[in-house]
Amino acid sequence: MSADPRAVESLLAFWAEAGVEACYAGAPIDRTAATPLGQPAPAGRAAIGTSPTPAGRVEARANPSIDEARALAAGAVDLDALKGAIARFEGCALKSAGARQAVFARGAPDAPVMVIGEAPGAEEDLQGAPFVGRAGQLLDRMLAAAGLDGRVFITNTVFWRPPGNRTPTLSEQQACAPFLERAIALVAPKLLLLVGGASAKSVLGQTDGILSIRGRWFEWRSADGAQEIPALPTLHPAFLLRQPAAKKKAWEDLLTLTERLDRPERPG
C-alpha cells in the first residue's frame, strides 16, 4: 500500500520545522571509494559557502544579483517604491519558477513589530499579500489575541512563491535580503518576530532548529551596523495547524514579545 502523499508532506514539513536538514539512505554508502580524491562529492546536501559574521548574520558570497538588489533597495525612498523595486528585480530564481507575482508586505507602515515569515504560499501568490491563507488567518487571530492587532508589519524572507510551497533556499533568501533589510530600515520597528525556522536561520544566521531557538531573544544587526533590533524566533502558524499542541509554545512567545514591547525597560 502506498503512503498518503499528504501525510508524507506533513511529516517532512514537521521534520524541516524541527531542524532536520539531511536524509540518509537505508544502507551505508562508501563515498570515499566511490569518489576519487580531489573530485566533487556526489550530489546531496553540501556545505554552503557562507560564514556567520560577528553579528550572527550569514554573509553571502559575491553575487551580481545581490549587488543589483542592494542598488534597487537603496534607491527606494519609501515602502511603495520598495514594492516596485522588488517587482522589477530579476535576480531571484523564484520569479521565473511559476510565481504569478511578487508578494511584498501588509500591515502598518510604522508598526513597532515586524513579522518576518519564510515565503508566500499559493493563496498569497494569488492575492499578492503575505499570510492570507489558513496559516495567515491563524497568525492574525493570535496577534489580535496578544494585543498586536494593527501594530505589525508582515513580510517574508523571499517575495515569490517557491514551487510546491517548498522552503526557500539560502541563495534565494540571500538574493532578496537587501530588500528585507531596506524594509526594516523604512519601517524602523522596535522588535522583530521571526516566524519559522527558515526565517530565523536566514535573518539571524542561526543553524539550530526552530524548536531549539524559539522563545529566545537574539540581536539582529543591519549590514552597515546602523540598526540593532531585538529579534524573537517563533513557530510558523502552518506548523501549528499540523501540530496543534505546539500552539501553547507559540502563545508563550507572543506574550514574551508583547511584554518586552510594552515594558521596554524590563530585560528580555
C-alpha atoms as a PDB file:
ATOM      1  CA  MET A   1       0.000   0.000   0.000  1.00  0.00           C
ATOM      2  CA  SER A   2       1.448   3.360  -0.997  1.00  0.00           C
ATOM      3  CA  ALA A   3       1.756   6.159   1.550  1.00  0.00           C
ATOM      4  CA  ASP A   4      -0.709   9.050   1.556  1.00  0.00           C
ATOM      5  CA  PRO A   5       1.164  11.946  -0.133  1.00  0.00           C
ATOM      6  CA  ARG A   6      -0.463  14.436   2.237  1.00  0.00           C
ATOM      7  CA  ALA A   7       0.760  12.501   5.260  1.00  0.00           C
ATOM      8  CA  VAL A   8       4.271  12.308   3.813  1.00  0.00           C
ATOM      9  CA  GLU A   9       4.268  16.052   3.080  1.00  0.00           C
ATOM     10  CA  SER A  10       3.106  16.812   6.618  1.00  0.00           C
ATOM     11  CA  LEU A  11       5.793  14.572   8.130  1.00  0.00           C
ATOM     12  CA  LEU A  12       8.547  16.141   6.006  1.00  0.00           C
ATOM     13  CA  ALA A  13       7.343  19.614   6.952  1.00  0.00           C
ATOM     14  CA  PHE A  14       7.392  18.638  10.624  1.00  0.00           C
ATOM     15  CA  TRP A  15      10.986  17.383  10.348  1.00  0.00           C
ATOM     16  CA  ALA A  16      12.085  20.531   8.485  1.00  0.00           C
ATOM     17  CA  GLU A  17      10.484  22.800  11.084  1.00  0.00           C
ATOM     18  CA  ALA A  18      12.177  20.802  13.837  1.00  0.00           C
ATOM     19  CA  GLY A  19      15.587  21.458  12.267  1.00  0.00           C
ATOM     20  CA  VAL A  20      16.256  18.208  10.372  1.00  0.00           C
ATOM     21  CA  GLU A  21      18.384  19.149   7.380  1.00  0.00           C
ATOM     22  CA  ALA A  22      19.563  15.871   5.891  1.00  0.00           C
ATOM     23  CA  CYS A  23      18.161  12.467   4.954  1.00  0.00           C
ATOM     24  CA  TYR A  24      20.108   9.239   4.875  1.00  0.00           C
ATOM     25  CA  ALA A  25      19.733   6.146   2.746  1.00  0.00           C
ATOM     26  CA  GLY A  26      18.620   2.822   4.153  1.00  0.00           C
ATOM     27  CA  ALA A  27      22.063   1.284   3.633  1.00  0.00           C
ATOM     28  CA  PRO A  28      25.551   2.793   4.115  1.00  0.00           C
ATOM     29  CA  ILE A  29      27.477   4.045   1.078  1.00  0.00           C
ATOM     30  CA  ASP A  30      31.264   4.161   0.985  1.00  0.00           C
ATOM     31  CA  ARG A  31      31.622   7.562  -0.626  1.00  0.00           C
ATOM     32  CA  THR A  32      35.394   7.608  -0.183  1.00  0.00           C
ATOM     33  CA  ALA A  33      35.620   4.622  -2.508  1.00  0.00           C
ATOM     34  CA  ALA A  34      33.100   5.982  -4.958  1.00  0.00           C
ATOM     35  CA  THR A  35      34.694   9.422  -5.209  1.00  0.00           C
ATOM     36  CA  PRO A  36      38.352   9.930  -6.190  1.00  0.00           C
ATOM     37  CA  LEU A  37      40.307  12.349  -4.065  1.00  0.00           C
ATOM     38  CA  GLY A  38      40.065  15.889  -5.341  1.00  0.00           C
ATOM     39  CA  GLN A  39      36.801  15.265  -7.185  1.00  0.00           C
ATOM     40  CA  PRO A  40      33.436  16.784  -6.244  1.00  0.00           C
ATOM     41  CA  ALA A  41      31.348  14.833  -3.789  1.00  0.00           C
ATOM     42  CA  PRO A  42      28.151  13.125  -5.001  1.00  0.00           C
ATOM     43  CA  ALA A  43      25.079  15.272  -5.277  1.00  0.00           C
ATOM     44  CA  GLY A  44      23.329  15.874  -1.992  1.00  0.00           C
ATOM     45  CA  ARG A  45      23.305  18.385   0.828  1.00  0.00           C
ATOM     46  CA  ALA A  46      26.629  20.163   0.601  1.00  0.00           C
ATOM     47  CA  ALA A  47      28.037  22.729   2.964  1.00  0.00           C
ATOM     48  CA  ILE A  48      27.075  26.248   1.939  1.00  0.00           C
ATOM     49  CA  GLY A  49      29.951  28.620   1.295  1.00  0.00           C
ATOM     50  CA  THR A  50      28.906  31.152   3.912  1.00  0.00           C
ATOM     51  CA  SER A  51      30.056  32.016   7.380  1.00  0.00           C
ATOM     52  CA  PRO A  52      28.478  33.864  10.309  1.00  0.00           C
ATOM     53  CA  THR A  53      29.623  37.426  10.828  1.00  0.00           C
ATOM     54  CA  PRO A  54      30.264  38.732  14.371  1.00  0.00           C
ATOM     55  CA  ALA A  55      26.645  39.907  14.424  1.00  0.00           C
ATOM     56  CA  GLY A  56      25.427  36.376  13.771  1.00  0.00           C
ATOM     57  CA  ARG A  57      24.295  37.127  10.220  1.00  0.00           C
ATOM     58  CA  VAL A  58      25.148  34.951   7.225  1.00  0.00           C
ATOM     59  CA  GLU A  59      27.375  36.681   4.742  1.00  0.00           C
ATOM     60  CA  ALA A  60      26.756  35.791   1.089  1.00  0.00           C
ATOM     61  CA  ARG A  61      29.492  35.262  -1.465  1.00  0.00           C
ATOM     62  CA  ALA A  62      29.956  37.914  -4.143  1.00  0.00           C
ATOM     63  CA  ASN A  63      26.912  37.741  -6.399  1.00  0.00           C
ATOM     64  CA  PRO A  64      25.911  40.195  -9.140  1.00  0.00           C
ATOM     65  CA  SER A  65      22.218  39.599  -8.386  1.00  0.00           C
ATOM     66  CA  ILE A  66      22.728  40.599  -4.769  1.00  0.00           C
ATOM     67  CA  ASP A  67      24.592  43.704  -5.878  1.00  0.00           C
ATOM     68  CA  GLU A  68      21.637  44.581  -8.127  1.00  0.00           C
ATOM     69  CA  ALA A  69      19.234  44.014  -5.244  1.00  0.00           C
ATOM     70  CA  ARG A  70      21.290  46.292  -2.994  1.00  0.00           C
ATOM     71  CA  ALA A  71      21.244  49.062  -5.589  1.00  0.00           C
ATOM     72  CA  LEU A  72      17.489  48.779  -6.160  1.00  0.00           C
ATOM     73  CA  ALA A  73      16.763  48.616  -2.433  1.00  0.00           C
ATOM     74  CA  ALA A  74      18.974  51.608  -1.653  1.00  0.00           C
ATOM     75  CA  GLY A  75      17.080  53.708  -4.200  1.00  0.00           C
ATOM     76  CA  ALA A  76      13.698  53.029  -2.611  1.00  0.00           C
ATOM     77  CA  VAL A  77      12.724  56.085  -0.576  1.00  0.00           C
ATOM     78  CA  ASP A  78       9.520  54.582   0.824  1.00  0.00           C
ATOM     79  CA  LEU A  79       7.658  51.267   1.026  1.00  0.00           C
ATOM     80  CA  ASP A  80       5.739  51.824  -2.213  1.00  0.00           C
ATOM     81  CA  ALA A  81       8.989  52.434  -4.052  1.00  0.00           C
ATOM     82  CA  LEU A  82      10.467  49.337  -2.428  1.00  0.00           C
ATOM     83  CA  LYS A  83       7.499  47.251  -3.572  1.00  0.00           C
ATOM     84  CA  GLY A  84       8.080  48.475  -7.111  1.00  0.00           C
ATOM     85  CA  ALA A  85      11.797  47.736  -6.915  1.00  0.00           C
ATOM     86  CA  ILE A  86      11.081  44.171  -5.808  1.00  0.00           C
ATOM     87  CA  ALA A  87       8.648  43.676  -8.695  1.00  0.00           C
ATOM     88  CA  ARG A  88      11.339  44.810 -11.165  1.00  0.00           C
ATOM     89  CA  PHE A  89      14.074  42.632  -9.680  1.00  0.00           C
ATOM     90  CA  GLU A  90      15.118  39.719 -11.913  1.00  0.00           C
ATOM     91  CA  GLY A  91      17.856  38.257  -9.731  1.00  0.00           C
ATOM     92  CA  CYS A  92      15.822  35.754  -7.686  1.00  0.00           C
ATOM     93  CA  ALA A  93      15.265  32.414  -9.429  1.00  0.00           C
ATOM     94  CA  LEU A  94      11.835  32.073  -7.822  1.00  0.00           C
ATOM     95  CA  LYS A  95      10.465  34.844 -10.015  1.00  0.00           C
ATOM     96  CA  SER A  96      10.678  32.622 -13.100  1.00  0.00           C
ATOM     97  CA  ALA A  97       9.742  29.382 -11.334  1.00  0.00           C
ATOM     98  CA  GLY A  98       5.984  29.693 -11.706  1.00  0.00           C
ATOM     99  CA  ALA A  99       5.059  32.526  -9.327  1.00  0.00           C
ATOM    100  CA  ARG A 100       2.237  34.791 -10.501  1.00  0.00           C
ATOM    101  CA  GLN A 101       3.527  37.968  -8.876  1.00  0.00           C
ATOM    102  CA  ALA A 102       5.788  39.439  -6.231  1.00  0.00           C
ATOM    103  CA  VAL A 103       4.315  39.342  -2.721  1.00  0.00           C
ATOM    104  CA  PHE A 104       5.792  42.082  -0.562  1.00  0.00           C
ATOM    105  CA  ALA A 105       4.020  43.049   2.651  1.00  0.00           C
ATOM    106  CA  ARG A 106       0.914  44.133   4.533  1.00  0.00           C
ATOM    107  CA  GLY A 107       0.273  45.964   7.780  1.00  0.00           C
ATOM    108  CA  ALA A 108       1.065  49.283   9.422  1.00  0.00           C
ATOM    109  CA  PRO A 109       3.998  51.078   7.733  1.00  0.00           C
ATOM    110  CA  ASP A 110       5.146  52.451  11.103  1.00  0.00           C
ATOM    111  CA  ALA A 111       4.470  49.291  13.113  1.00  0.00           C
ATOM    112  CA  PRO A 112       6.502  48.657  16.270  1.00  0.00           C
ATOM    113  CA  VAL A 113       6.711  44.942  15.386  1.00  0.00           C
ATOM    114  CA  MET A 114       7.823  43.458  12.077  1.00  0.00           C
ATOM    115  CA  VAL A 115       6.755  39.866  11.454  1.00  0.00           C
ATOM    116  CA  ILE A 116       9.072  38.067   9.032  1.00  0.00           C
ATOM    117  CA  GLY A 117       7.906  34.741   7.621  1.00  0.00           C
ATOM    118  CA  GLU A 118       9.539  32.410   5.140  1.00  0.00           C
ATOM    119  CA  ALA A 119       7.840  32.629   1.728  1.00  0.00           C
ATOM    120  CA  PRO A 120       4.458  33.208   0.082  1.00  0.00           C
ATOM    121  CA  GLY A 121       2.179  30.221  -0.447  1.00  0.00           C
ATOM    122  CA  ALA A 122      -0.491  29.545  -3.053  1.00  0.00           C
ATOM    123  CA  GLU A 123      -3.111  31.895  -1.615  1.00  0.00           C
ATOM    124  CA  GLU A 124      -0.522  34.640  -1.074  1.00  0.00           C
ATOM    125  CA  ASP A 125       0.662  34.252  -4.669  1.00  0.00           C
ATOM    126  CA  LEU A 126      -2.928  34.619  -5.822  1.00  0.00           C
ATOM    127  CA  GLN A 127      -3.822  37.649  -3.684  1.00  0.00           C
ATOM    128  CA  GLY A 128      -0.446  39.416  -3.695  1.00  0.00           C
ATOM    129  CA  ALA A 129      -0.192  39.757   0.091  1.00  0.00           C
ATOM    130  CA  PRO A 130       1.641  37.677   2.716  1.00  0.00           C
ATOM    131  CA  PHE A 131      -0.050  35.417   5.282  1.00  0.00           C
ATOM    132  CA  VAL A 132      -3.579  35.493   3.874  1.00  0.00           C
ATOM    133  CA  GLY A 133      -4.222  31.729   3.702  1.00  0.00           C
ATOM    134  CA  ARG A 134      -5.160  29.402   6.569  1.00  0.00           C
ATOM    135  CA  ALA A 135      -1.803  29.905   8.299  1.00  0.00           C
ATOM    136  CA  GLY A 136      -2.111  33.673   7.942  1.00  0.00           C
ATOM    137  CA  GLN A 137      -5.603  33.675   9.360  1.00  0.00           C
ATOM    138  CA  LEU A 138      -4.345  31.772  12.393  1.00  0.00           C
ATOM    139  CA  LEU A 139      -1.459  34.238  12.727  1.00  0.00           C
ATOM    140  CA  ASP A 140      -3.885  37.181  12.628  1.00  0.00           C
ATOM    141  CA  ARG A 141      -6.047  35.647  15.347  1.00  0.00           C
ATOM    142  CA  MET A 142      -3.033  35.034  17.558  1.00  0.00           C
ATOM    143  CA  LEU A 143      -1.676  38.552  17.022  1.00  0.00           C
ATOM    144  CA  ALA A 144      -5.073  40.076  17.828  1.00  0.00           C
ATOM    145  CA  ALA A 145      -5.404  37.966  20.985  1.00  0.00           C
ATOM    146  CA  ALA A 146      -1.964  39.182  22.081  1.00  0.00           C
ATOM    147  CA  GLY A 147      -2.970  42.817  21.626  1.00  0.00           C
ATOM    148  CA  LEU A 148      -0.921  43.286  18.453  1.00  0.00           C
ATOM    149  CA  ASP A 149      -3.749  43.943  16.006  1.00  0.00           C
ATOM    150  CA  GLY A 150      -2.778  46.965  13.916  1.00  0.00           C
ATOM    151  CA  ARG A 151       0.719  47.021  15.438  1.00  0.00           C
ATOM    152  CA  VAL A 152       2.524  44.744  12.991  1.00  0.00           C
ATOM    153  CA  PHE A 153       4.075  44.918   9.545  1.00  0.00           C
ATOM    154  CA  ILE A 154       4.186  41.489   7.882  1.00  0.00           C
ATOM    155  CA  THR A 155       6.578  40.316   5.173  1.00  0.00           C
ATOM    156  CA  ASN A 156       8.765  37.318   4.212  1.00  0.00           C
ATOM    157  CA  THR A 157      12.390  36.455   3.518  1.00  0.00           C
ATOM    158  CA  VAL A 158      11.555  35.922  -0.181  1.00  0.00           C
ATOM    159  CA  PHE A 159       8.848  37.589  -2.260  1.00  0.00           C
ATOM    160  CA  TRP A 160       7.872  34.900  -4.755  1.00  0.00           C
ATOM    161  CA  ARG A 161       6.187  31.578  -4.076  1.00  0.00           C
ATOM    162  CA  PRO A 162       8.615  28.620  -4.204  1.00  0.00           C
ATOM    163  CA  PRO A 163       7.377  25.744  -6.395  1.00  0.00           C
ATOM    164  CA  GLY A 164       5.198  23.359  -4.416  1.00  0.00           C
ATOM    165  CA  ASN A 165       5.375  25.656  -1.388  1.00  0.00           C
ATOM    166  CA  ARG A 166       8.806  24.256  -0.550  1.00  0.00           C
ATOM    167  CA  THR A 167      11.102  26.031   1.896  1.00  0.00           C
ATOM    168  CA  PRO A 168      13.126  28.781   0.177  1.00  0.00           C
ATOM    169  CA  THR A 169      16.815  28.048  -0.269  1.00  0.00           C
ATOM    170  CA  LEU A 170      19.508  30.142   1.366  1.00  0.00           C
ATOM    171  CA  SER A 171      20.610  31.510  -2.023  1.00  0.00           C
ATOM    172  CA  GLU A 172      17.043  32.619  -2.772  1.00  0.00           C
ATOM    173  CA  GLN A 173      16.846  34.318   0.619  1.00  0.00           C
ATOM    174  CA  GLN A 174      20.213  35.994   0.095  1.00  0.00           C
ATOM    175  CA  ALA A 175      19.049  37.399  -3.247  1.00  0.00           C
ATOM    176  CA  CYS A 176      16.073  39.039  -1.500  1.00  0.00           C
ATOM    177  CA  ALA A 177      17.876  40.018   1.716  1.00  0.00           C
ATOM    178  CA  PRO A 178      18.733  43.614   0.656  1.00  0.00           C
ATOM    179  CA  PHE A 179      15.029  44.317   0.120  1.00  0.00           C
ATOM    180  CA  LEU A 180      14.128  42.866   3.503  1.00  0.00           C
ATOM    181  CA  GLU A 181      16.827  44.940   5.185  1.00  0.00           C
ATOM    182  CA  ARG A 182      15.593  48.075   3.433  1.00  0.00           C
ATOM    183  CA  ALA A 183      12.052  47.314   4.613  1.00  0.00           C
ATOM    184  CA  ILE A 184      13.334  47.088   8.174  1.00  0.00           C
ATOM    185  CA  ALA A 185      15.076  50.444   7.769  1.00  0.00           C
ATOM    186  CA  LEU A 186      11.935  52.124   6.380  1.00  0.00           C
ATOM    187  CA  VAL A 187       9.530  50.696   8.962  1.00  0.00           C
ATOM    188  CA  ALA A 188      12.028  51.048  11.831  1.00  0.00           C
ATOM    189  CA  PRO A 189      10.295  48.528  14.121  1.00  0.00           C
ATOM    190  CA  LYS A 190      11.209  48.118  17.776  1.00  0.00           C
ATOM    191  CA  LEU A 191      11.099  44.316  17.617  1.00  0.00           C
ATOM    192  CA  LEU A 192      11.295  41.548  15.013  1.00  0.00           C
ATOM    193  CA  LEU A 193       9.188  38.389  15.208  1.00  0.00           C
ATOM    194  CA  LEU A 194      10.792  35.678  13.054  1.00  0.00           C
ATOM    195  CA  VAL A 195       8.170  33.130  12.059  1.00  0.00           C
ATOM    196  CA  GLY A 196       9.513  29.679  11.235  1.00  0.00           C
ATOM    197  CA  GLY A 197      12.914  28.038  11.061  1.00  0.00           C
ATOM    198  CA  ALA A 198      13.828  29.252   7.571  1.00  0.00           C
ATOM    199  CA  SER A 199      13.163  32.851   8.608  1.00  0.00           C
ATOM    200  CA  ALA A 200      15.235  32.620  11.793  1.00  0.00           C
ATOM    201  CA  LYS A 201      18.127  30.925  10.009  1.00  0.00           C
ATOM    202  CA  SER A 202      18.192  33.475   7.204  1.00  0.00           C
ATOM    203  CA  VAL A 203      17.765  36.637   9.283  1.00  0.00           C
ATOM    204  CA  LEU A 204      19.952  35.637  12.240  1.00  0.00           C
ATOM    205  CA  GLY A 205      22.388  33.212  10.633  1.00  0.00           C
ATOM    206  CA  GLN A 206      21.298  30.535  13.092  1.00  0.00           C
ATOM    207  CA  THR A 207      21.946  26.864  12.404  1.00  0.00           C
ATOM    208  CA  ASP A 208      19.868  25.317  15.194  1.00  0.00           C
ATOM    209  CA  GLY A 209      16.319  24.187  14.576  1.00  0.00           C
ATOM    210  CA  ILE A 210      13.381  26.421  15.431  1.00  0.00           C
ATOM    211  CA  LEU A 211      12.340  24.183  18.328  1.00  0.00           C
ATOM    212  CA  SER A 212      15.711  24.920  19.944  1.00  0.00           C
ATOM    213  CA  ILE A 213      15.767  28.700  19.469  1.00  0.00           C
ATOM    214  CA  ARG A 214      12.103  29.722  19.683  1.00  0.00           C
ATOM    215  CA  GLY A 215      11.245  31.962  22.603  1.00  0.00           C
ATOM    216  CA  ARG A 216      14.842  33.222  22.948  1.00  0.00           C
ATOM    217  CA  TRP A 217      15.909  36.783  22.212  1.00  0.00           C
ATOM    218  CA  PHE A 218      18.619  37.475  19.636  1.00  0.00           C
ATOM    219  CA  GLU A 219      20.019  40.723  18.269  1.00  0.00           C
ATOM    220  CA  TRP A 220      19.613  41.489  14.581  1.00  0.00           C
ATOM    221  CA  ARG A 221      22.097  43.968  13.152  1.00  0.00           C
ATOM    222  CA  SER A 222      21.973  45.611   9.732  1.00  0.00           C
ATOM    223  CA  ALA A 223      24.842  45.073   7.318  1.00  0.00           C
ATOM    224  CA  ASP A 224      26.123  48.604   7.896  1.00  0.00           C
ATOM    225  CA  GLY A 225      25.721  48.321  11.674  1.00  0.00           C
ATOM    226  CA  ALA A 226      23.338  51.292  11.754  1.00  0.00           C
ATOM    227  CA  GLN A 227      20.419  49.296  13.169  1.00  0.00           C
ATOM    228  CA  GLU A 228      20.264  46.799  16.001  1.00  0.00           C
ATOM    229  CA  ILE A 229      16.870  45.306  16.801  1.00  0.00           C
ATOM    230  CA  PRO A 230      15.881  42.547  19.243  1.00  0.00           C
ATOM    231  CA  ALA A 231      14.516  39.527  17.357  1.00  0.00           C
ATOM    232  CA  LEU A 232      12.406  36.660  18.670  1.00  0.00           C
ATOM    233  CA  PRO A 233      12.028  33.407  16.683  1.00  0.00           C
ATOM    234  CA  THR A 234       8.743  31.509  16.988  1.00  0.00           C
ATOM    235  CA  LEU A 235       6.892  28.630  15.346  1.00  0.00           C
ATOM    236  CA  HIS A 236       5.274  29.056  11.959  1.00  0.00           C
ATOM    237  CA  PRO A 237       1.452  29.010  12.022  1.00  0.00           C
ATOM    238  CA  ALA A 238       1.485  26.361   9.274  1.00  0.00           C
ATOM    239  CA  PHE A 239       3.370  24.149  11.727  1.00  0.00           C
ATOM    240  CA  LEU A 240       0.768  24.917  14.385  1.00  0.00           C
ATOM    241  CA  LEU A 241      -2.000  23.783  12.029  1.00  0.00           C
ATOM    242  CA  ARG A 242      -0.237  20.435  11.707  1.00  0.00           C
ATOM    243  CA  GLN A 243       0.732  20.240  15.378  1.00  0.00           C
ATOM    244  CA  PRO A 244      -1.993  21.989  17.420  1.00  0.00           C
ATOM    245  CA  ALA A 245      -0.347  21.010  20.715  1.00  0.00           C
ATOM    246  CA  ALA A 246       2.514  23.402  19.847  1.00  0.00           C
ATOM    247  CA  LYS A 247       0.194  26.436  19.930  1.00  0.00           C
ATOM    248  CA  LYS A 248       0.938  26.836  23.634  1.00  0.00           C
ATOM    249  CA  LYS A 249       4.628  27.434  22.863  1.00  0.00           C
ATOM    250  CA  ALA A 250       3.815  29.987  20.160  1.00  0.00           C
ATOM    251  CA  TRP A 251       1.415  31.762  22.510  1.00  0.00           C
ATOM    252  CA  GLU A 252       4.142  31.945  25.167  1.00  0.00           C
ATOM    253  CA  ASP A 253       6.428  33.514  22.562  1.00  0.00           C
ATOM    254  CA  LEU A 254       3.837  36.177  21.709  1.00  0.00           C
ATOM    255  CA  LEU A 255       3.375  37.016  25.380  1.00  0.00           C
ATOM    256  CA  THR A 256       7.159  37.345  25.716  1.00  0.00           C
ATOM    257  CA  LEU A 257       7.188  39.734  22.763  1.00  0.00           C
ATOM    258  CA  THR A 258       4.289  41.898  23.944  1.00  0.00           C
ATOM    259  CA  GLU A 259       5.762  42.151  27.419  1.00  0.00           C
ATOM    260  CA  ARG A 260       9.025  43.453  26.008  1.00  0.00           C
ATOM    261  CA  LEU A 261       7.221  45.769  23.601  1.00  0.00           C
ATOM    262  CA  ASP A 262       5.016  47.338  26.248  1.00  0.00           C
ATOM    263  CA  ARG A 263       7.608  47.294  29.032  1.00  0.00           C
ATOM    264  CA  PRO A 264      10.871  48.065  27.205  1.00  0.00           C
ATOM    265  CA  GLU A 265      12.633  48.927  30.451  1.00  0.00           C
ATOM    266  CA  ARG A 266      12.448  45.290  31.526  1.00  0.00           C
ATOM    267  CA  PRO A 267      15.216  42.958  30.271  1.00  0.00           C
ATOM    268  CA  GLY A 268      14.309  40.330  27.682  1.00  0.00           C
END
